[in-house]
Amino acid sequence: MLLNILGKPRSELADFLDLYLNTYNEKGKLWAGLGFKGTMEEKCSPGLLEKALKVTLDSESVFAINMIVDYLYLGDIVKGDPYLYRVNRPGTVSPDNWSLTIPVPVEKLPGLKICKKIGDMIKSSGRG
């Protein structure tokens, strides 16, 4: 159907078709890949975020780099709309791009309750 709409033969659109097929329903693929059943949730929940962080930590990659804001959300420190905590807003030029202010002073981070859970997640992944 897509080829008919675009009016081009498959041979001319091979790269485009691969890109489309690999990204089509990517949220649904992630939902299933994390082991969730049923209808995909559009909003992030602590359970969804914890599973996503676990996938990263349990990967065979040399580095597992997660954003601190994800861990703070897991600890119920970051609240509200996650788009408020985006580091970058694609397609815009603004002094806010590539910057992020967390709602906790850096000096207080080690004393947060979530630190134990973060440590446990890291240790259980074999990275600790």
N, C-alpha and C. Protein backbone atom coordinates (compact mmCIF):
# COMPACT_ATOMS: atom_id res chain seq x y z
N MET A 1 0.83 -1.19 0.00
CA MET A 1 0.00 0.00 0.00
C MET A 1 0.88 1.26 0.00
N LEU A 2 1.93 1.23 0.82
CA LEU A 2 2.84 2.38 0.89
C LEU A 2 3.52 2.62 -0.46
N LEU A 3 3.95 1.54 -1.11
CA LEU A 3 4.59 1.68 -2.42
C LEU A 3 3.63 2.30 -3.43
N ASN A 4 2.37 1.90 -3.37
CA ASN A 4 1.37 2.47 -4.28
C ASN A 4 1.17 3.96 -4.02
N ILE A 5 1.13 4.33 -2.76
CA ILE A 5 0.95 5.74 -2.41
C ILE A 5 2.12 6.58 -2.91
N LEU A 6 3.33 6.04 -2.72
CA LEU A 6 4.52 6.78 -3.13
C LEU A 6 4.78 6.70 -4.63
N GLY A 7 4.18 5.72 -5.29
CA GLY A 7 4.31 5.60 -6.74
C GLY A 7 5.70 5.25 -7.22
N LYS A 8 6.42 4.51 -6.44
CA LYS A 8 7.79 4.12 -6.80
C LYS A 8 7.93 2.60 -6.67
N PRO A 9 8.84 2.01 -7.42
CA PRO A 9 9.07 0.56 -7.26
C PRO A 9 9.84 0.26 -5.97
N ARG A 10 9.66 -0.95 -5.46
CA ARG A 10 10.31 -1.39 -4.22
C ARG A 10 11.82 -1.17 -4.29
N SER A 11 12.43 -1.42 -5.43
CA SER A 11 13.89 -1.31 -5.55
C SER A 11 14.39 0.11 -5.27
N GLU A 12 13.59 1.11 -5.58
CA GLU A 12 13.99 2.50 -5.34
C GLU A 12 13.75 2.95 -3.90
N LEU A 13 12.97 2.20 -3.16
CA LEU A 13 12.59 2.60 -1.80
C LEU A 13 13.06 1.61 -0.73
N ALA A 14 14.01 0.75 -1.08
CA ALA A 14 14.42 -0.31 -0.15
C ALA A 14 14.88 0.23 1.20
N ASP A 15 15.74 1.24 1.20
CA ASP A 15 16.23 1.80 2.46
C ASP A 15 15.09 2.44 3.25
N PHE A 16 14.24 3.18 2.57
CA PHE A 16 13.10 3.82 3.22
C PHE A 16 12.17 2.77 3.83
N LEU A 17 11.89 1.71 3.08
CA LEU A 17 11.01 0.65 3.58
C LEU A 17 11.61 -0.03 4.80
N ASP A 18 12.91 -0.30 4.79
CA ASP A 18 13.57 -0.90 5.96
C ASP A 18 13.42 -0.01 7.17
N LEU A 19 13.66 1.27 6.98
CA LEU A 19 13.53 2.23 8.08
C LEU A 19 12.10 2.24 8.61
N TYR A 20 11.14 2.29 7.72
CA TYR A 20 9.73 2.31 8.11
C TYR A 20 9.35 1.04 8.87
N LEU A 21 9.70 -0.11 8.33
CA LEU A 21 9.31 -1.38 8.95
C LEU A 21 9.99 -1.59 10.30
N ASN A 22 11.22 -1.10 10.44
CA ASN A 22 11.93 -1.27 11.71
C ASN A 22 11.44 -0.31 12.79
N THR A 23 10.83 0.79 12.40
CA THR A 23 10.36 1.75 13.40
C THR A 23 8.86 1.73 13.60
N TYR A 24 8.13 1.07 12.71
CA TYR A 24 6.68 1.00 12.85
C TYR A 24 6.34 0.28 14.16
N ASN A 25 5.49 0.87 14.94
CA ASN A 25 5.02 0.32 16.22
C ASN A 25 6.17 0.08 17.19
N GLU A 26 7.17 0.95 17.19
CA GLU A 26 8.32 0.73 18.06
C GLU A 26 7.95 0.81 19.54
N LYS A 27 6.97 1.62 19.91
CA LYS A 27 6.53 1.66 21.30
C LYS A 27 5.91 0.32 21.70
N GLY A 28 5.11 -0.23 20.82
CA GLY A 28 4.50 -1.54 21.08
C GLY A 28 5.55 -2.64 21.18
N LYS A 29 6.56 -2.55 20.33
CA LYS A 29 7.65 -3.54 20.38
C LYS A 29 8.41 -3.44 21.70
N LEU A 30 8.65 -2.22 22.16
CA LEU A 30 9.33 -2.02 23.45
C LEU A 30 8.46 -2.58 24.57
N TRP A 31 7.17 -2.28 24.55
CA TRP A 31 6.24 -2.75 25.56
C TRP A 31 6.30 -4.27 25.68
N ALA A 32 6.22 -4.95 24.55
CA ALA A 32 6.28 -6.41 24.54
C ALA A 32 7.67 -6.91 24.93
N GLY A 33 8.71 -6.22 24.46
CA GLY A 33 10.08 -6.62 24.78
C GLY A 33 10.41 -6.51 26.26
N LEU A 34 9.72 -5.62 26.96
CA LEU A 34 9.92 -5.48 28.40
C LEU A 34 9.09 -6.48 29.18
N GLY A 35 8.29 -7.29 28.46
CA GLY A 35 7.52 -8.34 29.12
C GLY A 35 6.14 -7.93 29.59
N PHE A 36 5.66 -6.77 29.15
CA PHE A 36 4.33 -6.33 29.55
C PHE A 36 3.29 -6.98 28.65
N LYS A 37 2.13 -7.23 29.20
CA LYS A 37 1.01 -7.81 28.45
C LYS A 37 -0.07 -6.75 28.29
N GLY A 38 -0.94 -6.97 27.33
CA GLY A 38 -2.09 -6.09 27.16
C GLY A 38 -1.75 -4.81 26.42
N THR A 39 -2.66 -3.86 26.57
CA THR A 39 -2.55 -2.58 25.87
C THR A 39 -1.40 -1.75 26.42
N MET A 40 -0.63 -1.20 25.52
CA MET A 40 0.51 -0.37 25.90
C MET A 40 0.05 0.90 26.59
N GLU A 41 0.73 1.28 27.65
CA GLU A 41 0.45 2.54 28.34
C GLU A 41 1.21 3.65 27.62
N GLU A 42 0.57 4.77 27.45
CA GLU A 42 1.23 5.91 26.82
C GLU A 42 2.08 6.69 27.81
N LYS A 43 1.70 6.67 29.08
CA LYS A 43 2.44 7.41 30.09
C LYS A 43 3.41 6.49 30.81
N CYS A 44 4.52 7.05 31.21
CA CYS A 44 5.53 6.29 31.92
C CYS A 44 5.07 6.05 33.36
N SER A 45 5.35 4.85 33.83
CA SER A 45 5.06 4.50 35.23
C SER A 45 6.38 4.04 35.84
N PRO A 46 6.47 4.03 37.17
CA PRO A 46 7.70 3.53 37.79
C PRO A 46 8.05 2.10 37.36
N GLY A 47 7.04 1.25 37.18
CA GLY A 47 7.29 -0.13 36.75
C GLY A 47 7.90 -0.20 35.36
N LEU A 48 7.35 0.58 34.46
CA LEU A 48 7.87 0.64 33.09
C LEU A 48 9.29 1.18 33.08
N LEU A 49 9.52 2.25 33.80
CA LEU A 49 10.85 2.85 33.84
C LEU A 49 11.86 1.91 34.46
N GLU A 50 11.49 1.23 35.53
CA GLU A 50 12.43 0.30 36.18
C GLU A 50 12.82 -0.83 35.23
N LYS A 51 11.85 -1.36 34.48
CA LYS A 51 12.18 -2.42 33.52
C LYS A 51 13.09 -1.90 32.41
N ALA A 52 12.85 -0.68 31.94
CA ALA A 52 13.69 -0.10 30.89
C ALA A 52 15.11 0.12 31.40
N LEU A 53 15.25 0.62 32.62
CA LEU A 53 16.59 0.80 33.21
C LEU A 53 17.28 -0.54 33.38
N LYS A 54 16.53 -1.55 33.77
CA LYS A 54 17.10 -2.89 33.96
C LYS A 54 17.63 -3.45 32.64
N VAL A 55 16.89 -3.22 31.56
CA VAL A 55 17.35 -3.68 30.24
C VAL A 55 18.71 -3.05 29.92
N THR A 56 18.83 -1.76 30.18
CA THR A 56 20.09 -1.07 29.92
C THR A 56 21.21 -1.64 30.80
N LEU A 57 20.92 -1.76 32.08
CA LEU A 57 21.94 -2.25 33.02
C LEU A 57 22.34 -3.69 32.73
N ASP A 58 21.38 -4.51 32.31
CA ASP A 58 21.66 -5.93 32.06
C ASP A 58 22.25 -6.20 30.68
N SER A 59 22.39 -5.17 29.87
CA SER A 59 22.93 -5.37 28.52
C SER A 59 24.41 -5.78 28.60
N GLU A 60 24.90 -6.30 27.51
CA GLU A 60 26.30 -6.71 27.45
C GLU A 60 27.21 -5.57 27.02
N SER A 61 26.66 -4.39 26.90
CA SER A 61 27.46 -3.23 26.52
C SER A 61 28.51 -2.94 27.59
N VAL A 62 29.62 -2.37 27.16
CA VAL A 62 30.67 -2.00 28.10
C VAL A 62 30.14 -0.93 29.05
N PHE A 63 29.40 0.04 28.52
CA PHE A 63 28.86 1.12 29.33
C PHE A 63 27.33 1.04 29.37
N ALA A 64 26.77 1.36 30.50
CA ALA A 64 25.32 1.49 30.65
C ALA A 64 25.09 2.90 31.18
N ILE A 65 24.72 3.79 30.30
CA ILE A 65 24.57 5.20 30.68
C ILE A 65 23.09 5.54 30.73
N ASN A 66 22.62 5.88 31.91
CA ASN A 66 21.24 6.29 32.10
C ASN A 66 21.24 7.70 32.66
N MET A 67 20.16 8.40 32.40
CA MET A 67 20.06 9.78 32.89
C MET A 67 19.63 9.79 34.35
N ILE A 68 20.22 10.68 35.11
CA ILE A 68 19.90 10.79 36.53
C ILE A 68 18.43 11.11 36.74
N VAL A 69 17.83 11.83 35.82
CA VAL A 69 16.42 12.19 35.96
C VAL A 69 15.54 10.94 35.94
N ASP A 70 15.96 9.88 35.23
CA ASP A 70 15.20 8.63 35.23
C ASP A 70 15.22 7.99 36.61
N TYR A 71 16.37 7.97 37.24
CA TYR A 71 16.46 7.41 38.59
C TYR A 71 15.69 8.27 39.59
N LEU A 72 15.74 9.58 39.43
CA LEU A 72 15.00 10.47 40.33
C LEU A 72 13.50 10.30 40.15
N TYR A 73 13.06 10.03 38.94
CA TYR A 73 11.64 9.74 38.69
C TYR A 73 11.26 8.45 39.40
N LEU A 74 12.13 7.46 39.30
CA LEU A 74 11.88 6.17 39.94
C LEU A 74 11.75 6.34 41.45
N GLY A 75 12.47 7.28 42.03
CA GLY A 75 12.40 7.56 43.45
C GLY A 75 11.34 8.57 43.82
N ASP A 76 10.45 8.91 42.88
CA ASP A 76 9.36 9.85 43.10
C ASP A 76 9.86 11.25 43.49
N ILE A 77 11.03 11.60 43.02
CA ILE A 77 11.60 12.93 43.29
C ILE A 77 11.27 13.86 42.14
N VAL A 78 11.37 13.35 40.93
CA VAL A 78 10.96 14.08 39.74
C VAL A 78 9.50 13.72 39.50
N LYS A 79 8.66 14.72 39.40
CA LYS A 79 7.22 14.48 39.25
C LYS A 79 6.68 15.28 38.08
N GLY A 80 5.50 14.90 37.65
CA GLY A 80 4.84 15.67 36.61
C GLY A 80 5.20 15.20 35.21
N ASP A 81 5.00 16.05 34.29
CA ASP A 81 5.20 15.76 32.87
C ASP A 81 6.67 15.51 32.57
N PRO A 82 7.01 14.31 32.07
CA PRO A 82 8.42 14.02 31.79
C PRO A 82 9.02 14.94 30.73
N TYR A 83 8.18 15.54 29.88
CA TYR A 83 8.71 16.45 28.86
C TYR A 83 9.31 17.70 29.47
N LEU A 84 8.98 17.99 30.74
CA LEU A 84 9.61 19.12 31.42
C LEU A 84 11.09 18.85 31.67
N TYR A 85 11.47 17.58 31.61
CA TYR A 85 12.85 17.18 31.93
C TYR A 85 13.62 16.73 30.70
N ARG A 86 13.17 17.11 29.52
CA ARG A 86 13.92 16.79 28.30
C ARG A 86 15.19 17.60 28.27
N VAL A 87 16.26 16.98 27.83
CA VAL A 87 17.54 17.68 27.71
C VAL A 87 17.57 18.50 26.43
N ASN A 88 16.87 18.04 25.42
CA ASN A 88 16.90 18.71 24.13
C ASN A 88 15.50 18.66 23.53
N ARG A 89 15.13 19.71 22.84
CA ARG A 89 13.88 19.73 22.12
C ARG A 89 14.22 19.82 20.63
N PRO A 90 14.17 18.69 19.93
CA PRO A 90 14.56 18.67 18.52
C PRO A 90 13.82 19.71 17.70
N GLY A 91 14.53 20.32 16.78
CA GLY A 91 13.95 21.29 15.88
C GLY A 91 13.81 22.68 16.47
N THR A 92 14.40 22.90 17.65
CA THR A 92 14.31 24.22 18.26
C THR A 92 15.72 24.71 18.60
N VAL A 93 15.85 26.01 18.66
CA VAL A 93 17.09 26.63 19.12
C VAL A 93 16.71 27.44 20.34
N SER A 94 17.32 27.11 21.46
CA SER A 94 16.94 27.75 22.71
C SER A 94 18.07 27.58 23.72
N PRO A 95 18.20 28.51 24.66
CA PRO A 95 19.22 28.36 25.71
C PRO A 95 18.92 27.16 26.62
N ASP A 96 17.69 26.66 26.57
CA ASP A 96 17.33 25.49 27.39
C ASP A 96 17.81 24.17 26.79
N ASN A 97 18.12 24.17 25.50
CA ASN A 97 18.57 22.93 24.87
C ASN A 97 19.92 22.51 25.44
N TRP A 98 20.06 21.23 25.59
CA TRP A 98 21.28 20.59 26.10
C TRP A 98 21.61 21.06 27.52
N SER A 99 20.55 21.31 28.28
CA SER A 99 20.74 21.65 29.69
C SER A 99 19.60 21.02 30.48
N LEU A 100 19.86 20.76 31.73
CA LEU A 100 18.85 20.17 32.59
C LEU A 100 19.14 20.57 34.03
N THR A 101 18.12 21.00 34.72
CA THR A 101 18.27 21.32 36.14
C THR A 101 17.46 20.29 36.91
N ILE A 102 18.11 19.57 37.80
CA ILE A 102 17.39 18.59 38.60
C ILE A 102 16.84 19.26 39.85
N PRO A 103 15.75 18.73 40.40
CA PRO A 103 15.08 19.40 41.52
C PRO A 103 15.71 19.13 42.89
N VAL A 104 16.94 18.66 42.90
CA VAL A 104 17.63 18.34 44.15
C VAL A 104 19.06 18.87 44.05
N PRO A 105 19.56 19.54 45.08
CA PRO A 105 20.96 19.95 45.04
C PRO A 105 21.88 18.72 44.96
N VAL A 106 22.93 18.82 44.20
CA VAL A 106 23.86 17.70 44.02
C VAL A 106 24.36 17.17 45.37
N GLU A 107 24.57 18.05 46.32
CA GLU A 107 25.09 17.64 47.64
C GLU A 107 24.12 16.72 48.37
N LYS A 108 22.84 16.79 48.04
CA LYS A 108 21.84 15.97 48.73
C LYS A 108 21.58 14.62 48.05
N LEU A 109 22.11 14.43 46.84
CA LEU A 109 21.86 13.18 46.11
C LEU A 109 22.27 11.94 46.89
N PRO A 110 23.45 11.88 47.52
CA PRO A 110 23.84 10.65 48.22
C PRO A 110 22.91 10.25 49.36
N GLY A 111 22.16 11.18 49.92
CA GLY A 111 21.27 10.88 51.04
C GLY A 111 19.87 10.46 50.64
N LEU A 112 19.57 10.40 49.36
CA LEU A 112 18.23 10.05 48.91
C LEU A 112 17.96 8.56 49.09
N LYS A 113 16.71 8.22 49.44
CA LYS A 113 16.32 6.81 49.64
C LYS A 113 16.52 5.98 48.37
N ILE A 114 16.34 6.60 47.21
CA ILE A 114 16.45 5.87 45.95
C ILE A 114 17.85 5.33 45.72
N CYS A 115 18.86 5.88 46.39
CA CYS A 115 20.24 5.45 46.18
C CYS A 115 20.42 3.96 46.47
N LYS A 116 19.75 3.44 47.49
CA LYS A 116 19.85 2.01 47.81
C LYS A 116 19.31 1.17 46.65
N LYS A 117 18.15 1.57 46.11
CA LYS A 117 17.56 0.85 44.99
C LYS A 117 18.47 0.91 43.77
N ILE A 118 19.04 2.08 43.51
CA ILE A 118 19.96 2.21 42.37
C ILE A 118 21.15 1.28 42.56
N GLY A 119 21.72 1.28 43.75
CA GLY A 119 22.84 0.40 44.05
C GLY A 119 22.48 -1.07 43.87
N ASP A 120 21.29 -1.46 44.33
CA ASP A 120 20.83 -2.84 44.19
C ASP A 120 20.65 -3.21 42.71
N MET A 121 20.09 -2.27 41.93
CA MET A 121 19.91 -2.54 40.50
C MET A 121 21.26 -2.72 39.81
N ILE A 122 22.22 -1.90 40.17
CA ILE A 122 23.55 -1.98 39.56
C ILE A 122 24.23 -3.29 39.96
N LYS A 123 24.16 -3.64 41.23
CA LYS A 123 24.79 -4.88 41.70
C LYS A 123 24.15 -6.10 41.05
N SER A 124 22.82 -6.13 40.97
CA SER A 124 22.15 -7.30 40.39
C SER A 124 22.46 -7.45 38.91
N SER A 125 22.89 -6.37 38.27
CA SER A 125 23.24 -6.44 36.85
C SER A 125 24.68 -6.95 36.64
N GLY A 126 25.42 -7.05 37.74
CA GLY A 126 26.83 -7.48 37.64
C GLY A 126 27.77 -6.35 37.34
N ARG A 127 27.28 -5.12 37.37
CA ARG A 127 28.14 -3.97 37.09
C ARG A 127 28.71 -3.35 38.35
N GLY A 128 28.25 -3.76 39.54
CA GLY A 128 28.64 -3.11 40.77
C GLY A 128 29.91 -3.60 41.40
